[in-house]
């Protein structure tokens, strides 16, 4: 049986892990949310940037979760989509702590639209 594909969507203080089944007969089904991780130290204030230390701390938390799942052979293919600064922190932590010798890894940079930008468009 093929292991599922996992996708991680991450921003500064929140990460969602989704699983896409790859078994015959289950292909084409939408991914299901496995877990949502939140940084307990994050204060979500629109437009406020997080410090590098905060990003690194949260990236370590996300990678620790992935490390356990990978050790348990819970996924075979991993996609990570994150805002640019979070993506850099995740890459660093994965390179330090996670040996993905049997998994395929795909990286994507997300362009996050600031909260205020959406309000500005509606005001036009």
C-alpha atoms as a PDB file:
ATOM      1  CA  UNK A   1       0.000   0.000   0.000  1.00  0.00           C
ATOM      2  CA  UNK A   2       1.360   3.412  -0.955  1.00  0.00           C
ATOM      3  CA  UNK A   3       1.807   5.927   1.786  1.00  0.00           C
ATOM      4  CA  UNK A   4      -0.291   9.087   1.562  1.00  0.00           C
ATOM      5  CA  UNK A   5       0.947  12.410   0.328  1.00  0.00           C
ATOM      6  CA  UNK A   6       1.137  15.184   2.907  1.00  0.00           C
ATOM      7  CA  UNK A   7       0.877  18.906   2.276  1.00  0.00           C
ATOM      8  CA  UNK A   8       1.844  21.532   4.838  1.00  0.00           C
ATOM      9  CA  UNK A   9       0.517  25.080   4.492  1.00  0.00           C
ATOM     10  CA  UNK A  10       2.321  27.402   6.887  1.00  0.00           C
ATOM     11  CA  UNK A  11       2.394  31.034   7.803  1.00  0.00           C
ATOM     12  CA  UNK A  12       4.069  32.778  10.710  1.00  0.00           C
ATOM     13  CA  UNK A  13       1.940  31.339  13.512  1.00  0.00           C
ATOM     14  CA  UNK A  14      -0.185  28.591  11.987  1.00  0.00           C
ATOM     15  CA  UNK A  15       0.418  25.425  10.000  1.00  0.00           C
ATOM     16  CA  UNK A  16      -2.090  22.997   8.543  1.00  0.00           C
ATOM     17  CA  UNK A  17      -1.187  19.436   7.622  1.00  0.00           C
ATOM     18  CA  UNK A  18      -3.357  17.781   4.980  1.00  0.00           C
ATOM     19  CA  UNK A  19      -3.295  14.198   3.752  1.00  0.00           C
ATOM     20  CA  UNK A  20      -4.135  13.102   0.225  1.00  0.00           C
ATOM     21  CA  UNK A  21      -4.863   9.386  -0.159  1.00  0.00           C
ATOM     22  CA  UNK A  22      -3.063   7.605  -2.999  1.00  0.00           C
ATOM     23  CA  UNK A  23      -4.475   4.076  -2.690  1.00  0.00           C
ATOM     24  CA  UNK A  24      -6.342   2.693  -5.689  1.00  0.00           C
ATOM     25  CA  UNK A  25      -9.984   3.685  -5.524  1.00  0.00           C
ATOM     26  CA  UNK A  26      -9.281   6.684  -3.296  1.00  0.00           C
ATOM     27  CA  UNK A  27      -7.405   8.796  -5.818  1.00  0.00           C
ATOM     28  CA  UNK A  28      -9.102  12.040  -6.707  1.00  0.00           C
ATOM     29  CA  UNK A  29     -10.631  12.458  -3.275  1.00  0.00           C
ATOM     30  CA  UNK A  30     -10.025  15.838  -1.659  1.00  0.00           C
ATOM     31  CA  UNK A  31      -7.292  16.069   0.962  1.00  0.00           C
ATOM     32  CA  UNK A  32      -8.369  15.861   4.574  1.00  0.00           C
ATOM     33  CA  UNK A  33      -7.108  18.048   7.366  1.00  0.00           C
ATOM     34  CA  UNK A  34      -4.989  15.943   9.710  1.00  0.00           C
ATOM     35  CA  UNK A  35      -3.803  18.563  12.097  1.00  0.00           C
ATOM     36  CA  UNK A  36      -3.551  22.277  12.678  1.00  0.00           C
ATOM     37  CA  UNK A  37      -0.555  23.540  14.595  1.00  0.00           C
ATOM     38  CA  UNK A  38      -0.507  26.950  16.199  1.00  0.00           C
ATOM     39  CA  UNK A  39       2.264  28.869  17.855  1.00  0.00           C
ATOM     40  CA  UNK A  40       1.012  29.561  21.385  1.00  0.00           C
ATOM     41  CA  UNK A  41       3.309  32.592  21.545  1.00  0.00           C
ATOM     42  CA  UNK A  42       1.974  34.134  18.342  1.00  0.00           C
ATOM     43  CA  UNK A  43      -0.250  37.150  18.619  1.00  0.00           C
ATOM     44  CA  UNK A  44      -2.041  37.433  15.282  1.00  0.00           C
ATOM     45  CA  UNK A  45      -2.083  41.153  14.666  1.00  0.00           C
ATOM     46  CA  UNK A  46      -2.704  42.166  11.041  1.00  0.00           C
ATOM     47  CA  UNK A  47       0.376  43.687   9.485  1.00  0.00           C
ATOM     48  CA  UNK A  48       2.678  42.785  12.390  1.00  0.00           C
ATOM     49  CA  UNK A  49       5.792  40.891  11.368  1.00  0.00           C
ATOM     50  CA  UNK A  50       7.237  38.114  13.498  1.00  0.00           C
ATOM     51  CA  UNK A  51      10.833  38.074  14.683  1.00  0.00           C
ATOM     52  CA  UNK A  52      13.292  35.570  13.240  1.00  0.00           C
ATOM     53  CA  UNK A  53      13.442  33.847  16.633  1.00  0.00           C
ATOM     54  CA  UNK A  54       9.659  33.397  16.695  1.00  0.00           C
ATOM     55  CA  UNK A  55       9.677  31.985  13.168  1.00  0.00           C
ATOM     56  CA  UNK A  56      12.507  29.580  14.022  1.00  0.00           C
ATOM     57  CA  UNK A  57      10.743  28.394  17.173  1.00  0.00           C
ATOM     58  CA  UNK A  58       7.522  27.663  15.292  1.00  0.00           C
ATOM     59  CA  UNK A  59       9.427  26.034  12.411  1.00  0.00           C
ATOM     60  CA  UNK A  60      11.065  23.685  14.950  1.00  0.00           C
ATOM     61  CA  UNK A  61       7.612  22.741  16.254  1.00  0.00           C
ATOM     62  CA  UNK A  62       6.335  21.962  12.748  1.00  0.00           C
ATOM     63  CA  UNK A  63       9.460  19.997  11.814  1.00  0.00           C
ATOM     64  CA  UNK A  64       9.293  17.992  15.053  1.00  0.00           C
ATOM     65  CA  UNK A  65       5.786  16.907  14.058  1.00  0.00           C
ATOM     66  CA  UNK A  66       6.932  16.008  10.544  1.00  0.00           C
ATOM     67  CA  UNK A  67       9.951  14.167  11.936  1.00  0.00           C
ATOM     68  CA  UNK A  68       7.743  11.909  14.060  1.00  0.00           C
ATOM     69  CA  UNK A  69       5.344  11.246  11.180  1.00  0.00           C
ATOM     70  CA  UNK A  70       8.226  10.460   8.821  1.00  0.00           C
ATOM     71  CA  UNK A  71       9.792   8.075  11.342  1.00  0.00           C
ATOM     72  CA  UNK A  72       6.409   6.326  11.540  1.00  0.00           C
ATOM     73  CA  UNK A  73       6.265   6.159   7.686  1.00  0.00           C
ATOM     74  CA  UNK A  74       3.033   8.179   7.641  1.00  0.00           C
ATOM     75  CA  UNK A  75       3.852   9.933   4.339  1.00  0.00           C
ATOM     76  CA  UNK A  76       5.876   9.243   1.235  1.00  0.00           C
ATOM     77  CA  UNK A  77       5.612  12.571  -0.556  1.00  0.00           C
ATOM     78  CA  UNK A  78       5.749  15.919   1.223  1.00  0.00           C
ATOM     79  CA  UNK A  79       4.750  19.312  -0.146  1.00  0.00           C
ATOM     80  CA  UNK A  80       5.389  22.483   1.803  1.00  0.00           C
ATOM     81  CA  UNK A  81       3.788  25.787   0.882  1.00  0.00           C
ATOM     82  CA  UNK A  82       4.586  28.725   3.123  1.00  0.00           C
ATOM     83  CA  UNK A  83       5.005  32.470   3.177  1.00  0.00           C
ATOM     84  CA  UNK A  84       8.589  33.443   2.225  1.00  0.00           C
ATOM     85  CA  UNK A  85      10.045  34.031   5.721  1.00  0.00           C
ATOM     86  CA  UNK A  86       8.369  30.924   7.140  1.00  0.00           C
ATOM     87  CA  UNK A  87       9.515  28.892   4.147  1.00  0.00           C
ATOM     88  CA  UNK A  88      13.117  29.881   4.834  1.00  0.00           C
ATOM     89  CA  UNK A  89      12.801  28.927   8.519  1.00  0.00           C
ATOM     90  CA  UNK A  90      11.249  25.569   7.617  1.00  0.00           C
ATOM     91  CA  UNK A  91      13.978  24.806   5.062  1.00  0.00           C
ATOM     92  CA  UNK A  92      16.649  25.518   7.670  1.00  0.00           C
ATOM     93  CA  UNK A  93      15.006  23.330  10.316  1.00  0.00           C
ATOM     94  CA  UNK A  94      14.320  20.480   7.895  1.00  0.00           C
ATOM     95  CA  UNK A  95      17.924  20.550   6.698  1.00  0.00           C
ATOM     96  CA  UNK A  96      19.111  20.370  10.334  1.00  0.00           C
ATOM     97  CA  UNK A  97      16.739  17.765  11.740  1.00  0.00           C
ATOM     98  CA  UNK A  98      14.976  15.713   9.088  1.00  0.00           C
ATOM     99  CA  UNK A  99      16.681  13.237   6.774  1.00  0.00           C
ATOM    100  CA  UNK A 100      14.186  12.807   3.963  1.00  0.00           C
ATOM    101  CA  UNK A 101      16.099  10.060   2.185  1.00  0.00           C
ATOM    102  CA  UNK A 102      13.013   8.177   1.020  1.00  0.00           C
ATOM    103  CA  UNK A 103      10.486  10.989   0.599  1.00  0.00           C
ATOM    104  CA  UNK A 104      10.063  13.379  -2.254  1.00  0.00           C
ATOM    105  CA  UNK A 105       9.921  16.975  -1.090  1.00  0.00           C
ATOM    106  CA  UNK A 106       8.335  19.872  -2.988  1.00  0.00           C
ATOM    107  CA  UNK A 107       8.584  23.524  -1.895  1.00  0.00           C
ATOM    108  CA  UNK A 108       6.229  26.368  -2.848  1.00  0.00           C
ATOM    109  CA  UNK A 109       6.294  29.993  -1.782  1.00  0.00           C
ATOM    110  CA  UNK A 110       2.936  31.511  -0.905  1.00  0.00           C
ATOM    111  CA  UNK A 111       2.232  35.175  -1.455  1.00  0.00           C
ATOM    112  CA  UNK A 112       0.129  36.171   1.503  1.00  0.00           C
ATOM    113  CA  UNK A 113      -2.079  39.203   0.993  1.00  0.00           C
ATOM    114  CA  UNK A 114      -1.965  41.435   4.078  1.00  0.00           C
ATOM    115  CA  UNK A 115      -5.260  41.858   5.892  1.00  0.00           C
ATOM    116  CA  UNK A 116      -5.284  45.631   5.273  1.00  0.00           C
ATOM    117  CA  UNK A 117      -4.864  45.165   1.514  1.00  0.00           C
ATOM    118  CA  UNK A 118      -8.205  43.394   1.286  1.00  0.00           C
ATOM    119  CA  UNK A 119      -9.939  46.224   3.132  1.00  0.00           C
ATOM    120  CA  UNK A 120      -8.293  48.813   0.900  1.00  0.00           C
ATOM    121  CA  UNK A 121      -9.614  47.106  -2.239  1.00  0.00           C
ATOM    122  CA  UNK A 122     -13.168  47.115  -0.915  1.00  0.00           C
ATOM    123  CA  UNK A 123     -12.952  50.813  -0.076  1.00  0.00           C
ATOM    124  CA  UNK A 124     -12.153  51.661  -3.741  1.00  0.00           C
END
